[in-house]
C-alpha atoms as a PDB file:
ATOM      1  CA  MET A   1     -98.693 -40.326 -70.522  1.00  0.00           C
ATOM      2  CA  SER A   2    -101.929 -40.337 -68.882  1.00  0.00           C
ATOM      3  CA  THR A   3    -103.506 -37.888 -66.566  1.00  0.00           C
ATOM      4  CA  ILE A   4    -106.801 -38.220 -64.233  1.00  0.00           C
ATOM      5  CA  VAL A   5    -109.206 -35.693 -64.832  1.00  0.00           C
ATOM      6  CA  MET A   6    -112.602 -35.676 -63.327  1.00  0.00           C
ATOM      7  CA  GLY A   7    -115.374 -33.676 -65.308  1.00  0.00           C
ATOM      8  CA  SER A   8    -118.978 -32.802 -65.157  1.00  0.00           C
ATOM      9  CA  ARG A   9    -121.523 -35.479 -64.654  1.00  0.00           C
ATOM     10  CA  ASN A  10    -123.875 -33.261 -66.387  1.00  0.00           C
ATOM     11  CA  ASN A  11    -122.043 -33.214 -69.560  1.00  0.00           C
ATOM     12  CA  ILE A  12    -121.288 -36.845 -69.488  1.00  0.00           C
ATOM     13  CA  SER A  13    -125.251 -37.398 -69.141  1.00  0.00           C
ATOM     14  CA  SER A  14    -126.473 -35.122 -71.916  1.00  0.00           C
ATOM     15  CA  ILE A  15    -123.915 -36.843 -74.305  1.00  0.00           C
ATOM     16  CA  LEU A  16    -125.048 -40.573 -72.898  1.00  0.00           C
ATOM     17  CA  VAL A  17    -128.915 -39.432 -73.309  1.00  0.00           C
ATOM     18  CA  PHE A  18    -127.823 -37.971 -76.929  1.00  0.00           C
ATOM     19  CA  LEU A  19    -126.546 -41.019 -78.163  1.00  0.00           C
ATOM     20  CA  THR A  20    -129.534 -42.831 -76.791  1.00  0.00           C
ATOM     21  CA  LEU A  21    -131.955 -41.075 -78.522  1.00  0.00           C
ATOM     22  CA  ILE A  22    -129.869 -41.764 -81.769  1.00  0.00           C
ATOM     23  CA  SER A  23    -130.034 -45.333 -81.243  1.00  0.00           C
ATOM     24  CA  LEU A  24    -134.048 -45.474 -81.184  1.00  0.00           C
ATOM     25  CA  THR A  25    -133.900 -43.567 -84.633  1.00  0.00           C
ATOM     26  CA  THR A  26    -131.917 -46.133 -86.559  1.00  0.00           C
ATOM     27  CA  ASN A  27    -134.104 -49.541 -85.771  1.00  0.00           C
ATOM     28  CA  PHE A  28    -135.851 -49.218 -89.301  1.00  0.00           C
ATOM     29  CA  ILE A  29    -132.854 -50.643 -91.324  1.00  0.00           C
ATOM     30  CA  VAL A  30    -133.789 -54.346 -91.837  1.00  0.00           C
ATOM     31  CA  SER A  31    -131.747 -57.352 -91.788  1.00  0.00           C
ATOM     32  CA  GLY A  32    -130.933 -59.822 -94.562  1.00  0.00           C
ATOM     33  CA  GLN A  33    -127.965 -61.188 -96.619  1.00  0.00           C
ATOM     34  CA  GLU A  34    -124.584 -59.247 -96.513  1.00  0.00           C
ATOM     35  CA  GLU A  35    -123.602 -57.485 -99.625  1.00  0.00           C
ATOM     36  CA  GLU A  36    -120.491 -58.365-101.783  1.00  0.00           C
ATOM     37  CA  LYS A  37    -118.609 -55.172-103.392  1.00  0.00           C
ATOM     38  CA  GLU A  38    -114.946 -54.732-104.910  1.00  0.00           C
ATOM     39  CA  CYS A  39    -114.950 -51.473-103.305  1.00  0.00           C
ATOM     40  CA  TRP A  40    -117.402 -49.085-101.259  1.00  0.00           C
ATOM     41  CA  ASP A  41    -118.509 -45.414-102.261  1.00  0.00           C
ATOM     42  CA  ASN A  42    -119.374 -42.681-100.002  1.00  0.00           C
ATOM     43  CA  ASP A  43    -123.194 -43.994 -99.044  1.00  0.00           C
ATOM     44  CA  THR A  44    -122.957 -44.555 -95.348  1.00  0.00           C
ATOM     45  CA  ARG A  45    -126.454 -45.874 -95.432  1.00  0.00           C
ATOM     46  CA  GLN A  46    -125.370 -48.827 -97.386  1.00  0.00           C
ATOM     47  CA  ILE A  47    -122.321 -49.703 -95.093  1.00  0.00           C
ATOM     48  CA  LEU A  48    -125.056 -49.272 -92.164  1.00  0.00           C
ATOM     49  CA  ARG A  49    -127.718 -51.585 -94.014  1.00  0.00           C
ATOM     50  CA  ASN A  50    -124.944 -54.118 -94.403  1.00  0.00           C
ATOM     51  CA  GLU A  51    -123.844 -54.260 -90.886  1.00  0.00           C
ATOM     52  CA  ARG A  52    -127.247 -54.920 -89.747  1.00  0.00           C
ATOM     53  CA  LYS A  53    -127.414 -57.789 -92.266  1.00  0.00           C
ATOM     54  CA  ARG A  54    -124.260 -59.383 -92.046  1.00  0.00           C
ATOM     55  CA  ASN A  55    -123.187 -62.238 -89.862  1.00  0.00           C
ATOM     56  CA  VAL A  56    -120.997 -60.459 -86.811  1.00  0.00           C
ATOM     57  CA  THR A  57    -119.399 -63.627 -85.591  1.00  0.00           C
ATOM     58  CA  GLU A  58    -117.342 -63.686 -88.936  1.00  0.00           C
ATOM     59  CA  PRO A  59    -114.917 -61.087 -90.290  1.00  0.00           C
ATOM     60  CA  TYR A  60    -115.772 -58.616 -92.834  1.00  0.00           C
ATOM     61  CA  THR A  61    -113.811 -56.180 -94.615  1.00  0.00           C
ATOM     62  CA  TYR A  62    -114.985 -52.985 -96.365  1.00  0.00           C
ATOM     63  CA  ILE A  63    -112.595 -51.617 -98.993  1.00  0.00           C
ATOM     64  CA  VAL A  64    -112.935 -47.996 -99.452  1.00  0.00           C
ATOM     65  CA  CYS A  65    -112.532 -46.928-102.918  1.00  0.00           C
ATOM     66  CA  PRO A  66    -109.991 -44.503-103.716  1.00  0.00           C
ATOM     67  CA  ASP A  67    -110.617 -40.916-103.779  1.00  0.00           C
ATOM     68  CA  THR A  68    -113.956 -41.281-101.622  1.00  0.00           C
ATOM     69  CA  THR A  69    -115.073 -38.472 -99.375  1.00  0.00           C
ATOM     70  CA  PHE A  70    -117.670 -39.357 -96.866  1.00  0.00           C
ATOM     71  CA  LYS A  71    -119.858 -36.640 -95.767  1.00  0.00           C
ATOM     72  CA  PRO A  72    -121.915 -37.685 -92.668  1.00  0.00           C
ATOM     73  CA  GLY A  73    -124.988 -35.422 -91.875  1.00  0.00           C
ATOM     74  CA  ALA A  74    -125.603 -33.345 -88.502  1.00  0.00           C
ATOM     75  CA  TYR A  75    -127.843 -35.247 -85.907  1.00  0.00           C
ATOM     76  CA  LEU A  76    -131.295 -32.944 -86.149  1.00  0.00           C
ATOM     77  CA  GLY A  77    -133.024 -34.872 -83.186  1.00  0.00           C
ATOM     78  CA  ASN A  78    -134.739 -37.168 -85.089  1.00  0.00           C
ATOM     79  CA  GLY A  79    -132.256 -38.806 -87.158  1.00  0.00           C
ATOM     80  CA  PHE A  80    -129.154 -37.740 -89.278  1.00  0.00           C
ATOM     81  CA  GLU A  81    -129.629 -34.866 -91.823  1.00  0.00           C
ATOM     82  CA  ASP A  82    -130.570 -36.369 -95.091  1.00  0.00           C
ATOM     83  CA  LYS A  83    -130.081 -39.847 -93.946  1.00  0.00           C
ATOM     84  CA  LYS A  84    -126.394 -39.427 -94.292  1.00  0.00           C
ATOM     85  CA  TYR A  85    -125.154 -41.503 -91.402  1.00  0.00           C
ATOM     86  CA  PRO A  86    -121.348 -41.714 -89.863  1.00  0.00           C
ATOM     87  CA  LEU A  87    -119.783 -44.671 -90.279  1.00  0.00           C
ATOM     88  CA  MET A  88    -121.165 -47.108 -88.209  1.00  0.00           C
ATOM     89  CA  LEU A  89    -119.808 -50.447 -87.613  1.00  0.00           C
ATOM     90  CA  HIS A  90    -120.508 -53.665 -85.098  1.00  0.00           C
ATOM     91  CA  SER A  91    -117.827 -56.572 -84.479  1.00  0.00           C
ATOM     92  CA  ASN A  92    -115.509 -57.940 -86.476  1.00  0.00           C
ATOM     93  CA  ALA A  93    -115.540 -55.477 -89.175  1.00  0.00           C
ATOM     94  CA  ARG A  94    -112.513 -53.774 -90.980  1.00  0.00           C
ATOM     95  CA  ILE A  95    -112.483 -50.613 -92.800  1.00  0.00           C
ATOM     96  CA  GLN A  96    -109.521 -49.730 -94.837  1.00  0.00           C
ATOM     97  CA  CYS A  97    -108.937 -47.193 -97.677  1.00  0.00           C
ATOM     98  CA  GLY A  98    -108.169 -49.271-100.900  1.00  0.00           C
ATOM     99  CA  GLU A  99    -106.634 -52.548-101.421  1.00  0.00           C
ATOM    100  CA  ASP A 100    -103.695 -51.813 -99.158  1.00  0.00           C
ATOM    101  CA  GLY A 101    -105.150 -49.689 -96.458  1.00  0.00           C
ATOM    102  CA  ASP A 102    -102.783 -46.820 -97.245  1.00  0.00           C
ATOM    103  CA  PRO A 103    -103.921 -42.991 -96.541  1.00  0.00           C
ATOM    104  CA  SER A 104    -102.495 -41.979 -99.883  1.00  0.00           C
ATOM    105  CA  ASN A 105    -105.313 -43.761-101.275  1.00  0.00           C
ATOM    106  CA  ASN A 106    -107.397 -40.672 -99.990  1.00  0.00           C
ATOM    107  CA  CYS A 107    -110.452 -41.729 -98.523  1.00  0.00           C
ATOM    108  CA  VAL A 108    -111.592 -38.882 -96.298  1.00  0.00           C
ATOM    109  CA  VAL A 109    -114.295 -38.409 -93.749  1.00  0.00           C
ATOM    110  CA  ASP A 110    -115.146 -34.959 -93.945  1.00  0.00           C
ATOM    111  CA  GLY A 111    -116.275 -32.853 -90.752  1.00  0.00           C
ATOM    112  CA  SER A 112    -119.825 -32.213 -92.303  1.00  0.00           C
ATOM    113  CA  GLY A 113    -121.779 -33.773 -89.492  1.00  0.00           C
ATOM    114  CA  THR A 114    -121.915 -34.776 -85.899  1.00  0.00           C
ATOM    115  CA  PHE A 115    -119.935 -37.679 -85.831  1.00  0.00           C
ATOM    116  CA  GLY A 116    -117.083 -39.157 -88.189  1.00  0.00           C
ATOM    117  CA  MET A 117    -117.425 -42.589 -87.071  1.00  0.00           C
ATOM    118  CA  LEU A 118    -119.575 -44.042 -84.266  1.00  0.00           C
ATOM    119  CA  ILE A 119    -119.283 -47.151 -82.826  1.00  0.00           C
ATOM    120  CA  ASN A 120    -122.108 -47.925 -80.594  1.00  0.00           C
ATOM    121  CA  PRO A 121    -123.759 -51.828 -80.368  1.00  0.00           C
ATOM    122  CA  LEU A 122    -126.710 -50.444 -78.861  1.00  0.00           C
ATOM    123  CA  PHE A 123    -127.630 -49.485 -82.557  1.00  0.00           C
ATOM    124  CA  PHE A 124    -127.598 -53.233 -83.247  1.00  0.00           C
ATOM    125  CA  GLY A 125    -129.275 -54.413 -80.168  1.00  0.00           C
ATOM    126  CA  ASP A 126    -125.864 -55.577 -78.643  1.00  0.00           C
ATOM    127  CA  THR A 127    -123.362 -54.274 -75.866  1.00  0.00           C
ATOM    128  CA  GLU A 128    -120.128 -55.376 -77.271  1.00  0.00           C
ATOM    129  CA  ALA A 129    -117.962 -54.147 -80.347  1.00  0.00           C
ATOM    130  CA  SER A 130    -114.980 -56.325 -80.774  1.00  0.00           C
ATOM    131  CA  ASN A 131    -112.192 -56.432 -83.255  1.00  0.00           C
ATOM    132  CA  ILE A 132    -112.998 -53.567 -85.253  1.00  0.00           C
ATOM    133  CA  VAL A 133    -110.264 -52.454 -87.780  1.00  0.00           C
ATOM    134  CA  VAL A 134    -110.057 -48.886 -89.305  1.00  0.00           C
ATOM    135  CA  LYS A 135    -106.899 -48.446 -91.719  1.00  0.00           C
ATOM    136  CA  GLY A 136    -105.728 -45.740 -93.387  1.00  0.00           C
ATOM    137  CA  LEU A 137    -108.689 -43.070 -93.419  1.00  0.00           C
ATOM    138  CA  THR A 138    -108.401 -39.514 -93.088  1.00  0.00           C
ATOM    139  CA  PHE A 139    -110.842 -37.749 -90.730  1.00  0.00           C
ATOM    140  CA  SER A 140    -110.653 -33.819 -91.495  1.00  0.00           C
ATOM    141  CA  ASP A 141    -112.086 -30.548 -91.213  1.00  0.00           C
ATOM    142  CA  PHE A 142    -114.400 -31.254 -88.070  1.00  0.00           C
ATOM    143  CA  GLU A 143    -114.747 -27.472 -86.726  1.00  0.00           C
ATOM    144  CA  TYR A 144    -118.305 -25.923 -86.265  1.00  0.00           C
ATOM    145  CA  GLU A 145    -117.854 -23.790 -83.891  1.00  0.00           C
ATOM    146  CA  GLY A 146    -120.207 -24.142 -80.842  1.00  0.00           C
ATOM    147  CA  GLU A 147    -121.528 -27.567 -82.276  1.00  0.00           C
ATOM    148  CA  MET A 148    -120.748 -30.920 -80.734  1.00  0.00           C
ATOM    149  CA  GLN A 149    -118.552 -32.992 -83.083  1.00  0.00           C
ATOM    150  CA  ASN A 150    -116.740 -36.119 -82.719  1.00  0.00           C
ATOM    151  CA  LEU A 151    -114.234 -37.630 -85.255  1.00  0.00           C
ATOM    152  CA  VAL A 152    -114.232 -40.897 -83.593  1.00  0.00           C
ATOM    153  CA  THR A 153    -116.604 -42.022 -81.029  1.00  0.00           C
ATOM    154  CA  PHE A 154    -116.450 -45.494 -79.180  1.00  0.00           C
ATOM    155  CA  ARG A 155    -118.791 -46.625 -76.530  1.00  0.00           C
ATOM    156  CA  ALA A 156    -119.520 -50.213 -75.393  1.00  0.00           C
ATOM    157  CA  SER A 157    -119.682 -52.600 -72.314  1.00  0.00           C
ATOM    158  CA  SER A 158    -116.942 -54.328 -73.824  1.00  0.00           C
ATOM    159  CA  GLY A 159    -115.049 -54.877 -77.042  1.00  0.00           C
ATOM    160  CA  SER A 160    -111.644 -53.766 -78.887  1.00  0.00           C
ATOM    161  CA  MET A 161    -110.874 -51.184 -81.561  1.00  0.00           C
ATOM    162  CA  THR A 162    -107.719 -50.437 -83.662  1.00  0.00           C
ATOM    163  CA  LEU A 163    -107.129 -47.304 -85.604  1.00  0.00           C
ATOM    164  CA  GLU A 164    -103.908 -47.989 -87.926  1.00  0.00           C
ATOM    165  CA  ASN A 165    -102.277 -45.620 -90.100  1.00  0.00           C
ATOM    166  CA  CYS A 166    -105.290 -42.946 -89.932  1.00  0.00           C
ATOM    167  CA  ILE A 167    -104.923 -39.114 -90.237  1.00  0.00           C
ATOM    168  CA  PHE A 168    -106.779 -36.855 -87.914  1.00  0.00           C
ATOM    169  CA  GLU A 169    -106.246 -33.324 -89.031  1.00  0.00           C
ATOM    170  CA  PHE A 170    -107.488 -29.549 -89.470  1.00  0.00           C
ATOM    171  CA  SER A 171    -110.392 -29.846 -86.834  1.00  0.00           C
ATOM    172  CA  SER A 172    -111.499 -28.236 -83.521  1.00  0.00           C
ATOM    173  CA  SER A 173    -114.703 -29.802 -81.923  1.00  0.00           C
ATOM    174  CA  GLU A 174    -116.216 -31.014 -78.857  1.00  0.00           C
ATOM    175  CA  PRO A 175    -115.130 -33.531 -77.726  1.00  0.00           C
ATOM    176  CA  LEU A 176    -112.795 -34.663 -80.411  1.00  0.00           C
ATOM    177  CA  PHE A 177    -112.526 -38.226 -79.619  1.00  0.00           C
ATOM    178  CA  GLU A 178    -114.211 -40.260 -77.161  1.00  0.00           C
ATOM    179  CA  PHE A 179    -113.728 -43.740 -75.788  1.00  0.00           C
ATOM    180  CA  THR A 180    -116.148 -45.097 -73.238  1.00  0.00           C
ATOM    181  CA  GLN A 181    -116.795 -48.072 -71.507  1.00  0.00           C
ATOM    182  CA  TYR A 182    -120.420 -48.110 -70.845  1.00  0.00           C
ATOM    183  CA  PHE A 183    -122.093 -49.853 -68.083  1.00  0.00           C
ATOM    184  CA  PRO A 184    -125.751 -50.509 -68.240  1.00  0.00           C
ATOM    185  CA  GLU A 185    -128.268 -50.641 -65.407  1.00  0.00           C
ATOM    186  CA  GLY A 186    -127.835 -53.748 -63.464  1.00  0.00           C
ATOM    187  CA  LYS A 187    -126.279 -55.631 -60.597  1.00  0.00           C
ATOM    188  CA  ARG A 188    -123.592 -53.790 -59.077  1.00  0.00           C
ATOM    189  CA  GLU A 189    -121.148 -56.629 -57.619  1.00  0.00           C
ATOM    190  CA  ARG A 190    -118.538 -54.375 -56.384  1.00  0.00           C
ATOM    191  CA  GLN A 191    -118.827 -50.613 -55.352  1.00  0.00           C
ATOM    192  CA  LEU A 192    -117.508 -48.168 -52.792  1.00  0.00           C
ATOM    193  CA  LEU A 193    -118.837 -47.872 -49.387  1.00  0.00           C
ATOM    194  CA  LEU A 194    -120.071 -44.305 -49.434  1.00  0.00           C
ATOM    195  CA  PRO A 195    -120.219 -42.226 -46.057  1.00  0.00           C
ATOM    196  CA  GLU A 196    -123.636 -41.404 -44.510  1.00  0.00           C
ATOM    197  CA  VAL A 197    -124.059 -37.764 -44.665  1.00  0.00           C
ATOM    198  CA  GLU A 198    -127.338 -35.812 -44.555  1.00  0.00           C
ATOM    199  CA  ASP A 199    -126.470 -33.623 -47.568  1.00  0.00           C
ATOM    200  CA  GLU A 200    -127.132 -36.433 -50.382  1.00  0.00           C
ATOM    201  CA  GLU A 201    -126.225 -33.953 -53.422  1.00  0.00           C
ATOM    202  CA  GLU A 202    -123.155 -32.976 -51.672  1.00  0.00           C
ATOM    203  CA  LEU A 203    -122.196 -36.659 -51.166  1.00  0.00           C
ATOM    204  CA  ASN A 204    -122.700 -37.388 -54.723  1.00  0.00           C
ATOM    205  CA  TRP A 205    -120.742 -34.531 -56.146  1.00  0.00           C
ATOM    206  CA  LYS A 206    -117.717 -34.973 -53.535  1.00  0.00           C
ATOM    207  CA  ALA A 207    -117.751 -38.981 -54.396  1.00  0.00           C
ATOM    208  CA  PHE A 208    -117.971 -38.237 -58.111  1.00  0.00           C
ATOM    209  CA  TYR A 209    -114.706 -35.859 -57.633  1.00  0.00           C
ATOM    210  CA  TYR A 210    -113.077 -38.125 -55.200  1.00  0.00           C
ATOM    211  CA  GLN A 211    -113.099 -35.277 -52.725  1.00  0.00           C
ATOM    212  CA  HIS A 212    -114.503 -36.989 -49.857  1.00  0.00           C
ATOM    213  CA  GLN A 213    -111.889 -38.043 -47.222  1.00  0.00           C
ATOM    214  CA  GLN A 214    -113.524 -41.376 -46.794  1.00  0.00           C
ATOM    215  CA  ILE A 215    -113.496 -42.361 -50.610  1.00  0.00           C
ATOM    216  CA  ILE A 216    -109.836 -40.997 -50.672  1.00  0.00           C
ATOM    217  CA  GLU A 217    -108.629 -43.451 -47.875  1.00  0.00           C
ATOM    218  CA  GLN A 218    -110.520 -46.237 -49.510  1.00  0.00           C
ATOM    219  CA  ARG A 219    -108.892 -46.030 -52.973  1.00  0.00           C
ATOM    220  CA  LYS A 220    -105.467 -45.597 -51.112  1.00  0.00           C
ATOM    221  CA  LYS A 221    -106.014 -49.162 -49.428  1.00  0.00           C
ATOM    222  CA  MET A 222    -107.316 -50.749 -52.582  1.00  0.00           C
ATOM    223  CA  THR A 223    -104.284 -49.433 -54.613  1.00  0.00           C
ATOM    224  CA  THR A 224    -101.985 -50.749 -52.209  1.00  0.00           C
ATOM    225  CA  LYS A 225    -103.913 -53.960 -52.396  1.00  0.00           C
ATOM    226  CA  ASN A 226    -103.748 -54.164 -56.219  1.00  0.00           C
ATOM    227  CA  GLU A 227    -100.097 -53.162 -56.359  1.00  0.00           C
ATOM    228  CA  ARG A 228     -99.433 -56.364 -54.006  1.00  0.00           C
ATOM    229  CA  LYS A 229    -101.587 -58.415 -56.112  1.00  0.00           C
ATOM    230  CA  SER A 230     -99.711 -57.374 -59.328  1.00  0.00           C
ATOM    231  CA  ILE A 231     -96.509 -58.394 -57.784  1.00  0.00           C
ATOM    232  CA  SER A 232     -97.100 -61.363 -56.485  1.00  0.00           C
ATOM    233  CA  ASP A 233     -99.338 -62.694 -59.703  1.00  0.00           C
ATOM    234  CA  THR A 234     -97.289 -61.866 -62.608  1.00  0.00           C
ATOM    235  CA  THR A 235     -98.231 -64.933 -64.548  1.00  0.00           C
ATOM    236  CA  GLN A 236    -101.798 -64.402 -65.279  1.00  0.00           C
ATOM    237  CA  LYS A 237    -104.673 -61.654 -65.259  1.00  0.00           C
ATOM    238  CA  TYR A 238    -106.250 -60.487 -62.069  1.00  0.00           C
ATOM    239  CA  HIS A 239    -109.090 -58.494 -61.496  1.00  0.00           C
ATOM    240  CA  ARG A 240    -108.574 -55.270 -59.515  1.00  0.00           C
ATOM    241  CA  ASP A 241    -110.749 -54.496 -56.583  1.00  0.00           C
ATOM    242  CA  LEU A 242    -114.145 -52.866 -57.986  1.00  0.00           C
ATOM    243  CA  GLN A 243    -112.811 -53.232 -61.534  1.00  0.00           C
ATOM    244  CA  SER A 244    -115.216 -54.885 -63.932  1.00  0.00           C
ATOM    245  CA  ASP A 245    -114.629 -58.309 -65.765  1.00  0.00           C
ATOM    246  CA  LYS A 246    -115.144 -56.701 -68.712  1.00  0.00           C
ATOM    247  CA  GLU A 247    -112.655 -55.069 -70.854  1.00  0.00           C
ATOM    248  CA  VAL A 248    -112.307 -52.219 -73.566  1.00  0.00           C
ATOM    249  CA  ASN A 249    -109.337 -52.459 -75.669  1.00  0.00           C
ATOM    250  CA  ILE A 250    -108.095 -49.369 -78.006  1.00  0.00           C
ATOM    251  CA  SER A 251    -104.994 -49.523 -79.938  1.00  0.00           C
ATOM    252  CA  ILE A 252    -103.832 -46.498 -82.033  1.00  0.00           C
ATOM    253  CA  ILE A 253    -101.109 -47.463 -84.100  1.00  0.00           C
ATOM    254  CA  GLY A 254     -98.912 -45.661 -86.745  1.00  0.00           C
ATOM    255  CA  CYS A 255    -101.621 -42.649 -86.743  1.00  0.00           C
ATOM    256  CA  HIS A 256    -101.058 -38.721 -87.533  1.00  0.00           C
ATOM    257  CA  PHE A 257    -102.854 -36.232 -85.128  1.00  0.00           C
ATOM    258  CA  ALA A 258    -102.263 -32.853 -86.780  1.00  0.00           C
ATOM    259  CA  ASN A 259    -103.329 -29.098 -86.492  1.00  0.00           C
ATOM    260  CA  LEU A 260    -105.927 -29.921 -83.902  1.00  0.00           C
ATOM    261  CA  ALA A 261    -107.398 -27.332 -81.674  1.00  0.00           C
ATOM    262  CA  LEU A 262    -108.501 -28.061 -77.893  1.00  0.00           C
ATOM    263  CA  THR A 263    -109.939 -24.638 -77.449  1.00  0.00           C
ATOM    264  CA  LYS A 264    -112.903 -25.022 -74.964  1.00  0.00           C
ATOM    265  CA  ASP A 265    -113.705 -23.782 -71.910  1.00  0.00           C
ATOM    266  CA  ALA A 266    -111.895 -25.456 -69.260  1.00  0.00           C
ATOM    267  CA  THR A 267    -115.104 -25.793 -66.940  1.00  0.00           C
ATOM    268  CA  ARG A 268    -116.300 -28.271 -69.570  1.00  0.00           C
ATOM    269  CA  ASN A 269    -114.754 -31.578 -69.277  1.00  0.00           C
ATOM    270  CA  ALA A 270    -115.047 -32.676 -73.267  1.00  0.00           C
ATOM    271  CA  GLY A 271    -112.838 -30.177 -74.379  1.00  0.00           C
ATOM    272  CA  LEU A 272    -109.844 -30.826 -71.816  1.00  0.00           C
ATOM    273  CA  SER A 273    -108.173 -33.450 -73.533  1.00  0.00           C
ATOM    274  CA  LEU A 274    -107.356 -35.004 -77.294  1.00  0.00           C
ATOM    275  CA  LEU A 275    -107.972 -38.679 -76.917  1.00  0.00           C
ATOM    276  CA  HIS A 276    -110.483 -39.178 -73.588  1.00  0.00           C
ATOM    277  CA  PHE A 277    -110.799 -42.411 -72.216  1.00  0.00           C
ATOM    278  CA  SER A 278    -113.844 -42.889 -69.529  1.00  0.00           C
ATOM    279  CA  GLY A 279    -116.444 -45.007 -68.023  1.00  0.00           C
ATOM    280  CA  ILE A 280    -119.958 -44.254 -67.869  1.00  0.00           C
ATOM    281  CA  GLY A 281    -123.306 -46.074 -66.210  1.00  0.00           C
ATOM    282  CA  THR A 282    -126.785 -45.366 -65.736  1.00  0.00           C
ATOM    283  CA  PRO A 283    -127.469 -43.821 -63.237  1.00  0.00           C
ATOM    284  CA  ILE A 284    -124.225 -42.235 -63.294  1.00  0.00           C
ATOM    285  CA  ASP A 285    -122.497 -43.039 -60.002  1.00  0.00           C
ATOM    286  CA  THR A 286    -118.921 -43.109 -58.381  1.00  0.00           C
ATOM    287  CA  ASP A 287    -118.699 -47.225 -58.501  1.00  0.00           C
ATOM    288  CA  TYR A 288    -119.382 -47.194 -62.523  1.00  0.00           C
ATOM    289  CA  LEU A 289    -115.940 -45.055 -62.583  1.00  0.00           C
ATOM    290  CA  GLU A 290    -114.256 -47.333 -60.295  1.00  0.00           C
ATOM    291  CA  ARG A 291    -115.315 -50.152 -62.436  1.00  0.00           C
ATOM    292  CA  THR A 292    -113.811 -48.772 -65.594  1.00  0.00           C
ATOM    293  CA  ASN A 293    -111.276 -51.490 -67.258  1.00  0.00           C
ATOM    294  CA  ILE A 294    -109.748 -49.736 -70.298  1.00  0.00           C
ATOM    295  CA  ASN A 295    -106.492 -50.706 -71.948  1.00  0.00           C
ATOM    296  CA  ALA A 296    -105.058 -48.160 -74.434  1.00  0.00           C
ATOM    297  CA  VAL A 297    -102.199 -48.848 -76.418  1.00  0.00           C
ATOM    298  CA  VAL A 298    -100.636 -45.797 -78.685  1.00  0.00           C
ATOM    299  CA  LYS A 299     -97.454 -46.345 -80.487  1.00  0.00           C
ATOM    300  CA  GLN A 300     -95.641 -45.373 -83.495  1.00  0.00           C
ATOM    301  CA  THR A 301     -97.906 -42.308 -83.661  1.00  0.00           C
ATOM    302  CA  VAL A 302     -97.157 -38.565 -84.326  1.00  0.00           C
ATOM    303  CA  PHE A 303     -99.027 -35.557 -82.516  1.00  0.00           C
ATOM    304  CA  GLU A 304     -97.944 -32.097 -84.168  1.00  0.00           C
ATOM    305  CA  GLY A 305     -99.573 -28.977 -84.106  1.00  0.00           C
ATOM    306  CA  ILE A 306    -101.720 -29.313 -81.182  1.00  0.00           C
ATOM    307  CA  ASP A 307    -103.531 -26.272 -79.835  1.00  0.00           C
ATOM    308  CA  ALA A 308    -104.565 -26.539 -76.262  1.00  0.00           C
ATOM    309  CA  THR A 309    -104.942 -23.209 -74.980  1.00  0.00           C
ATOM    310  CA  SER A 310    -108.034 -21.031 -74.277  1.00  0.00           C
ATOM    311  CA  ASP A 311    -108.637 -17.472 -73.400  1.00  0.00           C
ATOM    312  CA  LEU A 312    -111.048 -18.890 -70.933  1.00  0.00           C
ATOM    313  CA  ASP A 313    -108.725 -20.786 -69.053  1.00  0.00           C
ATOM    314  CA  LYS A 314    -107.388 -20.219 -65.323  1.00  0.00           C
ATOM    315  CA  PRO A 315    -103.742 -20.134 -65.067  1.00  0.00           C
ATOM    316  CA  ASP A 316    -103.543 -23.263 -63.348  1.00  0.00           C
ATOM    317  CA  THR A 317    -105.623 -25.352 -66.047  1.00  0.00           C
ATOM    318  CA  HIS A 318    -104.018 -28.323 -67.116  1.00  0.00           C
ATOM    319  CA  ARG A 319    -104.900 -29.920 -70.485  1.00  0.00           C
ATOM    320  CA  SER A 320    -103.643 -33.490 -71.723  1.00  0.00           C
ATOM    321  CA  ILE A 321    -102.994 -35.177 -75.042  1.00  0.00           C
ATOM    322  CA  ILE A 322    -104.357 -38.365 -73.176  1.00  0.00           C
ATOM    323  CA  THR A 323    -106.715 -38.406 -70.396  1.00  0.00           C
ATOM    324  CA  PHE A 324    -108.121 -41.319 -68.415  1.00  0.00           C
ATOM    325  CA  ASP A 325    -111.250 -39.876 -66.626  1.00  0.00           C
ATOM    326  CA  SER A 326    -111.460 -42.719 -63.650  1.00  0.00           C
END
């Protein structure tokens, strides 16, 4: 099930700036030879250091010691509290709970910090984060009221991530999960032809929310054209009009989402969905939303005890388990 839900540019922009600032504070980790261990404990700084050292073109597996609890620190504006980083991985990294990646081995990411897992290749001077696998970890108790917290954040221009046999439980944060395709500044090869209006601010907001009639008509024509192309070309991939050539692929397989609350104000987009997929660029503009190319697979996964209500909601408020914001 997917639902189109448009959100606040200011809210998305603040998160983008927030993550950019974080990336500037972690560059002191030096490069060198990767480490080899039988299993890894809860020192996320060591994992981050190893990620900066290793050859990311080759697969690497982190086997987390059974009965390990990660306790990431809060982001304080100039770094993470006590240098307790979230789990931060680059391409071709796999992290699993114990030798078999079974959640019964009890590897827990505690909701003590701002992020549980933060995948952002900008930390490593890159824009791609591919073939990242997380297996058998439990993310629990992210519920600091009024604080922005993420159980899992994935933000890259292109790449892929698989969450397998993971447990996400007992949390109420904002936003719970973010999967974002990020477009850095550069040449815009494809974009909507925006109508000319005197009030530029009005145009930007109407275009962003797809409320301008000319934008709506363009999208209808493009949708029809894309449908015809998909029917006539079933043997190979084709690029939809405006869509980026780069892809983000997210797979959620055999996971368990339980006792999670989406109780944020409906006027703030981040709290409207459990799994939030979106595109964002700098500067934020409607053509970046159109360029988004995210493929999501969710299967053999259980959702239970999801509280999606708020006293602040208007009667017609719509909330979703999965939202594609583009």
